[in-house]
Amino acid sequence: MSETKQSPRQFLFKVMFVSTFGNLLFGYDTGVLNGALPFMALPSQLNLDPVLEGLVTSILLLGAAIGSFCGGRLADRYGRKKMLLFLSVLFFFGALGCTFSPTAKIMIVCRFFLGLAVGGAATTVPIYLAELAPAERRGRMVTQGELKPRSYNACH
């Protein structure tokens, strides 16, 4: 098998593209709930009352605050790449848990873990991008990483 070599520019674009999914998921995780809440409140589903609706909605933001507070220190200790891999696993299992949660309590716990992943990604992704980018492109890469997913969320 022959390996195809990619230029440093192609590599950086791929890293930036994949890394910015952390920011995209922040908007997705907070926004997708809006369409799901009416169905989750049905008696045949999670039977959410207004207090549980508020808790299911807001617990992700609490997790994100804690994740962003701890994410930087953990990334410093274990490395950015390992931290991002861990966060991707946390995203995956948190999403699965939310998808298949039979009770509101399990949904709340899973959304809290999603929040931890969201907050951790919000602090780790920009630093990771800045460390990989060459000095002359660093500002642009970090800014694009922050703006592209948020502008996408604003449109959809």
N, C-alpha and C. Protein backbone atom coordinates (compact mmCIF):
# COMPACT_ATOMS: atom_id res chain seq x y z
N MET A 1 0.83 -1.18 0.00
CA MET A 1 0.00 0.00 0.00
C MET A 1 0.87 1.24 0.00
N SER A 2 0.47 2.19 -0.77
CA SER A 2 1.22 3.44 -0.80
C SER A 2 0.49 4.47 0.07
N GLU A 3 1.26 5.16 0.87
CA GLU A 3 0.68 6.20 1.71
C GLU A 3 0.69 7.51 0.95
N THR A 4 -0.41 8.22 1.03
CA THR A 4 -0.45 9.53 0.41
C THR A 4 -0.07 10.55 1.47
N LYS A 5 0.89 11.38 1.14
CA LYS A 5 1.32 12.41 2.09
C LYS A 5 0.47 13.65 1.88
N GLN A 6 0.17 14.27 2.99
CA GLN A 6 -0.60 15.50 2.91
C GLN A 6 0.27 16.66 3.37
N SER A 7 -0.05 17.79 2.85
CA SER A 7 0.72 18.98 3.21
C SER A 7 0.37 19.39 4.63
N PRO A 8 1.24 20.16 5.27
CA PRO A 8 0.92 20.66 6.61
C PRO A 8 -0.38 21.48 6.63
N ARG A 9 -0.63 22.19 5.54
CA ARG A 9 -1.85 22.99 5.46
C ARG A 9 -3.09 22.09 5.45
N GLN A 10 -3.04 20.99 4.69
CA GLN A 10 -4.16 20.05 4.65
C GLN A 10 -4.37 19.41 6.03
N PHE A 11 -3.27 19.06 6.67
CA PHE A 11 -3.36 18.47 8.00
C PHE A 11 -4.02 19.44 8.98
N LEU A 12 -3.59 20.69 8.98
CA LEU A 12 -4.16 21.68 9.89
C LEU A 12 -5.64 21.90 9.60
N PHE A 13 -6.03 21.90 8.33
CA PHE A 13 -7.44 22.06 8.00
C PHE A 13 -8.25 20.90 8.56
N LYS A 14 -7.75 19.69 8.40
CA LYS A 14 -8.46 18.52 8.93
C LYS A 14 -8.58 18.58 10.45
N VAL A 15 -7.51 18.95 11.11
CA VAL A 15 -7.54 19.07 12.57
C VAL A 15 -8.54 20.14 12.99
N MET A 16 -8.52 21.29 12.33
CA MET A 16 -9.44 22.37 12.65
C MET A 16 -10.88 21.93 12.41
N PHE A 17 -11.13 21.27 11.31
CA PHE A 17 -12.48 20.82 10.97
C PHE A 17 -13.01 19.86 12.04
N VAL A 18 -12.22 18.88 12.41
CA VAL A 18 -12.66 17.89 13.40
C VAL A 18 -12.78 18.51 14.78
N SER A 19 -11.82 19.34 15.16
CA SER A 19 -11.82 19.94 16.50
C SER A 19 -13.00 20.87 16.73
N THR A 20 -13.42 21.56 15.71
CA THR A 20 -14.51 22.51 15.90
C THR A 20 -15.86 21.84 16.11
N PHE A 21 -15.94 20.53 15.93
CA PHE A 21 -17.18 19.84 16.25
C PHE A 21 -17.52 19.96 17.73
N GLY A 22 -16.49 20.16 18.57
CA GLY A 22 -16.75 20.39 19.98
C GLY A 22 -17.61 21.62 20.19
N ASN A 23 -17.33 22.68 19.47
CA ASN A 23 -18.13 23.90 19.56
C ASN A 23 -19.49 23.72 18.90
N LEU A 24 -19.53 22.99 17.82
CA LEU A 24 -20.80 22.74 17.15
C LEU A 24 -21.74 21.97 18.07
N LEU A 25 -21.20 21.02 18.81
CA LEU A 25 -22.03 20.22 19.70
C LEU A 25 -22.59 21.02 20.85
N PHE A 26 -21.92 22.09 21.25
CA PHE A 26 -22.45 22.94 22.31
C PHE A 26 -23.80 23.51 21.88
N GLY A 27 -23.83 24.12 20.72
CA GLY A 27 -25.08 24.67 20.21
C GLY A 27 -26.12 23.60 19.94
N TYR A 28 -25.67 22.48 19.44
CA TYR A 28 -26.61 21.39 19.14
C TYR A 28 -27.22 20.84 20.41
N ASP A 29 -26.40 20.57 21.42
CA ASP A 29 -26.92 19.99 22.66
C ASP A 29 -27.86 20.93 23.39
N THR A 30 -27.62 22.21 23.32
CA THR A 30 -28.52 23.14 23.99
C THR A 30 -29.77 23.42 23.16
N GLY A 31 -29.66 23.40 21.85
CA GLY A 31 -30.79 23.75 21.00
C GLY A 31 -31.72 22.60 20.65
N VAL A 32 -31.21 21.41 20.54
CA VAL A 32 -32.04 20.29 20.09
C VAL A 32 -33.10 19.93 21.13
N LEU A 33 -32.85 20.26 22.36
CA LEU A 33 -33.81 19.94 23.41
C LEU A 33 -35.13 20.67 23.23
N ASN A 34 -35.08 21.84 22.61
CA ASN A 34 -36.28 22.63 22.41
C ASN A 34 -37.37 21.84 21.69
N GLY A 35 -37.01 21.10 20.67
CA GLY A 35 -38.00 20.32 19.94
C GLY A 35 -38.39 19.03 20.62
N ALA A 36 -37.56 18.57 21.54
CA ALA A 36 -37.83 17.29 22.21
C ALA A 36 -38.67 17.43 23.48
N LEU A 37 -38.64 18.57 24.12
CA LEU A 37 -39.34 18.74 25.41
C LEU A 37 -40.83 18.43 25.36
N PRO A 38 -41.57 18.89 24.35
CA PRO A 38 -43.00 18.55 24.33
C PRO A 38 -43.25 17.04 24.31
N PHE A 39 -42.41 16.30 23.63
CA PHE A 39 -42.58 14.85 23.58
C PHE A 39 -42.13 14.20 24.88
N MET A 40 -41.09 14.74 25.49
CA MET A 40 -40.59 14.19 26.74
C MET A 40 -41.60 14.41 27.87
N ALA A 41 -42.45 15.43 27.77
CA ALA A 41 -43.44 15.73 28.80
C ALA A 41 -44.67 14.82 28.72
N LEU A 42 -44.82 14.08 27.64
CA LEU A 42 -45.98 13.21 27.50
C LEU A 42 -45.99 12.13 28.58
N PRO A 43 -47.17 11.77 29.08
CA PRO A 43 -47.25 10.72 30.10
C PRO A 43 -46.69 9.38 29.64
N SER A 44 -46.76 9.11 28.35
CA SER A 44 -46.24 7.84 27.84
C SER A 44 -44.72 7.86 27.67
N GLN A 45 -44.10 9.02 27.86
CA GLN A 45 -42.64 9.14 27.73
C GLN A 45 -42.04 9.37 29.12
N LEU A 46 -41.38 10.51 29.33
CA LEU A 46 -40.73 10.78 30.62
C LEU A 46 -41.65 11.48 31.61
N ASN A 47 -42.82 11.93 31.15
CA ASN A 47 -43.81 12.55 32.02
C ASN A 47 -43.22 13.71 32.84
N LEU A 48 -42.57 14.63 32.14
CA LEU A 48 -41.91 15.75 32.82
C LEU A 48 -42.91 16.78 33.28
N ASP A 49 -42.78 17.21 34.54
CA ASP A 49 -43.54 18.36 35.01
C ASP A 49 -42.66 19.60 34.77
N PRO A 50 -43.18 20.80 35.03
CA PRO A 50 -42.38 22.00 34.75
C PRO A 50 -41.03 22.05 35.47
N VAL A 51 -40.97 21.56 36.71
CA VAL A 51 -39.70 21.56 37.45
C VAL A 51 -38.70 20.63 36.78
N LEU A 52 -39.13 19.42 36.41
CA LEU A 52 -38.23 18.49 35.75
C LEU A 52 -37.82 19.00 34.37
N GLU A 53 -38.74 19.66 33.67
CA GLU A 53 -38.38 20.26 32.36
C GLU A 53 -37.26 21.26 32.54
N GLY A 54 -37.39 22.12 33.55
CA GLY A 54 -36.35 23.11 33.81
C GLY A 54 -35.03 22.46 34.19
N LEU A 55 -35.08 21.39 34.97
CA LEU A 55 -33.86 20.70 35.38
C LEU A 55 -33.19 20.00 34.20
N VAL A 56 -33.99 19.33 33.39
CA VAL A 56 -33.43 18.66 32.20
C VAL A 56 -32.79 19.69 31.27
N THR A 57 -33.42 20.85 31.16
CA THR A 57 -32.91 21.89 30.27
C THR A 57 -31.64 22.53 30.82
N SER A 58 -31.62 22.86 32.10
CA SER A 58 -30.52 23.65 32.65
C SER A 58 -29.33 22.84 33.13
N ILE A 59 -29.49 21.55 33.37
CA ILE A 59 -28.40 20.76 33.94
C ILE A 59 -27.21 20.69 32.98
N LEU A 60 -27.44 20.75 31.68
CA LEU A 60 -26.34 20.75 30.73
C LEU A 60 -25.47 21.99 30.92
N LEU A 61 -26.08 23.12 31.19
CA LEU A 61 -25.31 24.35 31.39
C LEU A 61 -24.51 24.31 32.69
N LEU A 62 -25.05 23.69 33.72
CA LEU A 62 -24.29 23.51 34.95
C LEU A 62 -23.07 22.61 34.69
N GLY A 63 -23.30 21.51 33.98
CA GLY A 63 -22.19 20.63 33.62
C GLY A 63 -21.15 21.35 32.76
N ALA A 64 -21.61 22.19 31.85
CA ALA A 64 -20.68 22.94 30.99
C ALA A 64 -19.84 23.91 31.81
N ALA A 65 -20.44 24.53 32.80
CA ALA A 65 -19.68 25.45 33.65
C ALA A 65 -18.60 24.69 34.42
N ILE A 66 -18.95 23.56 34.97
CA ILE A 66 -17.98 22.74 35.71
C ILE A 66 -16.92 22.19 34.75
N GLY A 67 -17.36 21.72 33.58
CA GLY A 67 -16.42 21.18 32.59
C GLY A 67 -15.44 22.21 32.09
N SER A 68 -15.91 23.44 31.90
CA SER A 68 -14.99 24.48 31.43
C SER A 68 -14.03 24.90 32.53
N PHE A 69 -14.47 24.85 33.76
CA PHE A 69 -13.61 25.20 34.88
C PHE A 69 -12.50 24.16 35.07
N CYS A 70 -12.85 22.88 34.93
CA CYS A 70 -11.88 21.80 35.16
C CYS A 70 -11.15 21.37 33.89
N GLY A 71 -11.74 21.63 32.72
CA GLY A 71 -11.19 21.12 31.46
C GLY A 71 -9.78 21.58 31.16
N GLY A 72 -9.49 22.83 31.41
CA GLY A 72 -8.16 23.36 31.14
C GLY A 72 -7.09 22.71 31.98
N ARG A 73 -7.38 22.54 33.27
CA ARG A 73 -6.41 21.91 34.17
C ARG A 73 -6.17 20.45 33.79
N LEU A 74 -7.23 19.76 33.44
CA LEU A 74 -7.07 18.35 33.04
C LEU A 74 -6.29 18.24 31.73
N ALA A 75 -6.56 19.16 30.80
CA ALA A 75 -5.82 19.16 29.54
C ALA A 75 -4.35 19.47 29.77
N ASP A 76 -4.05 20.35 30.71
CA ASP A 76 -2.65 20.64 31.05
C ASP A 76 -1.98 19.40 31.64
N ARG A 77 -2.70 18.68 32.45
CA ARG A 77 -2.12 17.52 33.13
C ARG A 77 -1.95 16.32 32.20
N TYR A 78 -2.98 16.03 31.38
CA TYR A 78 -2.96 14.81 30.58
C TYR A 78 -2.68 15.04 29.10
N GLY A 79 -2.70 16.28 28.67
CA GLY A 79 -2.46 16.59 27.26
C GLY A 79 -3.77 16.91 26.55
N ARG A 80 -3.68 17.81 25.57
CA ARG A 80 -4.88 18.26 24.84
C ARG A 80 -5.50 17.13 24.02
N LYS A 81 -4.65 16.38 23.34
CA LYS A 81 -5.18 15.33 22.46
C LYS A 81 -5.90 14.26 23.27
N LYS A 82 -5.30 13.83 24.37
CA LYS A 82 -5.95 12.82 25.22
C LYS A 82 -7.25 13.35 25.80
N MET A 83 -7.22 14.62 26.17
CA MET A 83 -8.43 15.24 26.72
C MET A 83 -9.55 15.27 25.68
N LEU A 84 -9.21 15.64 24.45
CA LEU A 84 -10.23 15.68 23.40
C LEU A 84 -10.76 14.28 23.08
N LEU A 85 -9.91 13.28 23.12
CA LEU A 85 -10.38 11.91 22.91
C LEU A 85 -11.31 11.48 24.04
N PHE A 86 -10.94 11.81 25.27
CA PHE A 86 -11.81 11.50 26.40
C PHE A 86 -13.15 12.20 26.28
N LEU A 87 -13.11 13.48 25.90
CA LEU A 87 -14.36 14.24 25.75
C LEU A 87 -15.24 13.68 24.65
N SER A 88 -14.63 13.17 23.58
CA SER A 88 -15.43 12.58 22.51
C SER A 88 -16.14 11.32 22.99
N VAL A 89 -15.47 10.54 23.82
CA VAL A 89 -16.10 9.35 24.41
C VAL A 89 -17.23 9.77 25.34
N LEU A 90 -16.99 10.81 26.13
CA LEU A 90 -18.02 11.33 27.04
C LEU A 90 -19.23 11.84 26.26
N PHE A 91 -18.99 12.56 25.16
CA PHE A 91 -20.08 12.99 24.28
C PHE A 91 -20.87 11.79 23.78
N PHE A 92 -20.16 10.78 23.30
CA PHE A 92 -20.82 9.61 22.72
C PHE A 92 -21.73 8.91 23.73
N PHE A 93 -21.18 8.61 24.90
CA PHE A 93 -21.97 7.88 25.88
C PHE A 93 -23.05 8.76 26.51
N GLY A 94 -22.79 10.06 26.64
CA GLY A 94 -23.84 10.96 27.12
C GLY A 94 -25.00 11.03 26.15
N ALA A 95 -24.69 11.08 24.86
CA ALA A 95 -25.75 11.12 23.84
C ALA A 95 -26.53 9.81 23.81
N LEU A 96 -25.81 8.70 23.92
CA LEU A 96 -26.51 7.41 23.97
C LEU A 96 -27.42 7.33 25.19
N GLY A 97 -26.91 7.79 26.33
CA GLY A 97 -27.71 7.78 27.55
C GLY A 97 -28.96 8.62 27.42
N CYS A 98 -28.83 9.79 26.82
CA CYS A 98 -30.00 10.64 26.61
C CYS A 98 -30.99 9.99 25.65
N THR A 99 -30.48 9.34 24.65
CA THR A 99 -31.35 8.72 23.65
C THR A 99 -32.18 7.59 24.25
N PHE A 100 -31.56 6.81 25.11
CA PHE A 100 -32.24 5.61 25.62
C PHE A 100 -32.65 5.72 27.09
N SER A 101 -32.64 6.92 27.66
CA SER A 101 -32.97 7.05 29.08
C SER A 101 -34.45 6.75 29.32
N PRO A 102 -34.72 5.80 30.22
CA PRO A 102 -36.10 5.43 30.51
C PRO A 102 -36.77 6.33 31.54
N THR A 103 -35.98 7.11 32.29
CA THR A 103 -36.54 7.97 33.32
C THR A 103 -35.92 9.37 33.23
N ALA A 104 -36.60 10.31 33.86
CA ALA A 104 -36.09 11.69 33.87
C ALA A 104 -34.77 11.77 34.63
N LYS A 105 -34.62 10.98 35.70
CA LYS A 105 -33.38 11.02 36.49
C LYS A 105 -32.18 10.61 35.64
N ILE A 106 -32.33 9.58 34.84
CA ILE A 106 -31.23 9.14 33.98
C ILE A 106 -30.97 10.19 32.91
N MET A 107 -32.01 10.81 32.39
CA MET A 107 -31.85 11.88 31.40
C MET A 107 -31.07 13.03 32.00
N ILE A 108 -31.37 13.39 33.23
CA ILE A 108 -30.69 14.51 33.90
C ILE A 108 -29.21 14.19 34.09
N VAL A 109 -28.90 12.98 34.53
CA VAL A 109 -27.51 12.57 34.73
C VAL A 109 -26.76 12.58 33.40
N CYS A 110 -27.37 12.05 32.36
CA CYS A 110 -26.71 11.99 31.05
C CYS A 110 -26.50 13.39 30.48
N ARG A 111 -27.46 14.29 30.67
CA ARG A 111 -27.28 15.66 30.18
C ARG A 111 -26.21 16.40 30.97
N PHE A 112 -26.06 16.06 32.25
CA PHE A 112 -24.98 16.64 33.03
C PHE A 112 -23.63 16.22 32.46
N PHE A 113 -23.49 14.93 32.13
CA PHE A 113 -22.24 14.45 31.54
C PHE A 113 -21.99 15.09 30.17
N LEU A 114 -23.06 15.28 29.39
CA LEU A 114 -22.90 16.00 28.13
C LEU A 114 -22.40 17.42 28.38
N GLY A 115 -22.91 18.05 29.41
CA GLY A 115 -22.46 19.38 29.77
C GLY A 115 -20.99 19.41 30.13
N LEU A 116 -20.53 18.40 30.89
CA LEU A 116 -19.10 18.32 31.21
C LEU A 116 -18.27 18.26 29.94
N ALA A 117 -18.73 17.46 28.97
CA ALA A 117 -18.01 17.33 27.70
C ALA A 117 -18.04 18.65 26.92
N VAL A 118 -19.17 19.30 26.92
CA VAL A 118 -19.31 20.58 26.21
C VAL A 118 -18.37 21.62 26.81
N GLY A 119 -18.36 21.75 28.12
CA GLY A 119 -17.50 22.73 28.77
C GLY A 119 -16.03 22.41 28.59
N GLY A 120 -15.69 21.13 28.70
CA GLY A 120 -14.31 20.74 28.49
C GLY A 120 -13.85 21.02 27.08
N ALA A 121 -14.71 20.77 26.11
CA ALA A 121 -14.35 21.03 24.72
C ALA A 121 -14.23 22.53 24.46
N ALA A 122 -15.08 23.32 25.11
CA ALA A 122 -15.04 24.77 24.91
C ALA A 122 -13.71 25.36 25.37
N THR A 123 -13.07 24.75 26.36
CA THR A 123 -11.79 25.27 26.82
C THR A 123 -10.60 24.60 26.14
N THR A 124 -10.75 23.37 25.73
CA THR A 124 -9.62 22.62 25.18
C THR A 124 -9.42 22.85 23.69
N VAL A 125 -10.49 22.93 22.93
CA VAL A 125 -10.38 23.06 21.48
C VAL A 125 -9.60 24.29 21.04
N PRO A 126 -9.90 25.49 21.54
CA PRO A 126 -9.13 26.65 21.08
C PRO A 126 -7.64 26.56 21.40
N ILE A 127 -7.32 26.01 22.56
CA ILE A 127 -5.90 25.88 22.93
C ILE A 127 -5.21 24.86 22.02
N TYR A 128 -5.90 23.77 21.75
CA TYR A 128 -5.34 22.73 20.88
C TYR A 128 -5.08 23.29 19.48
N LEU A 129 -6.04 24.03 18.97
CA LEU A 129 -5.86 24.64 17.65
C LEU A 129 -4.71 25.63 17.64
N ALA A 130 -4.61 26.43 18.70
CA ALA A 130 -3.54 27.43 18.77
C ALA A 130 -2.17 26.76 18.84
N GLU A 131 -2.08 25.64 19.52
CA GLU A 131 -0.79 24.96 19.63
C GLU A 131 -0.36 24.29 18.34
N LEU A 132 -1.32 23.87 17.52
CA LEU A 132 -0.98 23.20 16.27
C LEU A 132 -0.69 24.17 15.13
N ALA A 133 -1.28 25.33 15.19
CA ALA A 133 -1.17 26.27 14.08
C ALA A 133 0.19 26.96 14.07
N PRO A 134 0.70 27.21 12.87
CA PRO A 134 1.92 28.03 12.80
C PRO A 134 1.59 29.45 13.25
N ALA A 135 2.60 30.14 13.74
CA ALA A 135 2.40 31.46 14.34
C ALA A 135 1.66 32.43 13.42
N GLU A 136 1.95 32.41 12.13
CA GLU A 136 1.32 33.38 11.23
C GLU A 136 -0.15 33.06 10.94
N ARG A 137 -0.63 31.84 11.29
CA ARG A 137 -2.03 31.47 11.03
C ARG A 137 -2.80 31.20 12.30
N ARG A 138 -2.16 31.33 13.43
CA ARG A 138 -2.76 30.95 14.72
C ARG A 138 -4.05 31.71 15.01
N GLY A 139 -4.01 33.00 14.91
CA GLY A 139 -5.20 33.81 15.21
C GLY A 139 -6.37 33.46 14.33
N ARG A 140 -6.12 33.29 13.05
CA ARG A 140 -7.19 32.98 12.12
C ARG A 140 -7.80 31.60 12.41
N MET A 141 -6.94 30.61 12.69
CA MET A 141 -7.47 29.27 12.95
C MET A 141 -8.32 29.22 14.21
N VAL A 142 -7.86 29.86 15.26
CA VAL A 142 -8.62 29.84 16.51
C VAL A 142 -9.93 30.60 16.33
N THR A 143 -9.89 31.73 15.65
CA THR A 143 -11.11 32.51 15.42
C THR A 143 -12.09 31.74 14.55
N GLN A 144 -11.61 31.12 13.49
CA GLN A 144 -12.51 30.34 12.64
C GLN A 144 -13.09 29.17 13.41
N GLY A 145 -12.28 28.56 14.25
CA GLY A 145 -12.78 27.45 15.07
C GLY A 145 -13.89 27.88 16.00
N GLU A 146 -13.83 29.11 16.46
CA GLU A 146 -14.86 29.62 17.36
C GLU A 146 -16.08 30.15 16.62
N LEU A 147 -15.89 30.74 15.46
CA LEU A 147 -16.99 31.41 14.78
C LEU A 147 -17.79 30.50 13.86
N LYS A 148 -17.14 29.62 13.13
CA LYS A 148 -17.87 28.81 12.15
C LYS A 148 -18.99 28.00 12.77
N PRO A 149 -18.76 27.24 13.84
CA PRO A 149 -19.87 26.46 14.37
C PRO A 149 -20.98 27.34 14.93
N ARG A 150 -20.63 28.45 15.56
CA ARG A 150 -21.67 29.30 16.14
C ARG A 150 -22.49 29.97 15.04
N SER A 151 -21.85 30.36 13.96
CA SER A 151 -22.62 30.97 12.87
C SER A 151 -23.49 29.91 12.21
N TYR A 152 -23.03 28.68 12.18
CA TYR A 152 -23.85 27.60 11.63
C TYR A 152 -25.08 27.41 12.51
N ASN A 153 -24.91 27.42 13.83
CA ASN A 153 -26.03 27.24 14.72
C ASN A 153 -27.04 28.37 14.61
N ALA A 154 -26.56 29.57 14.36
CA ALA A 154 -27.47 30.71 14.25
C ALA A 154 -28.35 30.57 13.02
N CYS A 155 -27.87 29.89 11.99
CA CYS A 155 -28.63 29.76 10.75
C CYS A 155 -29.57 28.57 10.76
N HIS A 156 -29.30 27.58 11.61
CA HIS A 156 -30.12 26.36 11.58
C HIS A 156 -30.81 26.11 12.88
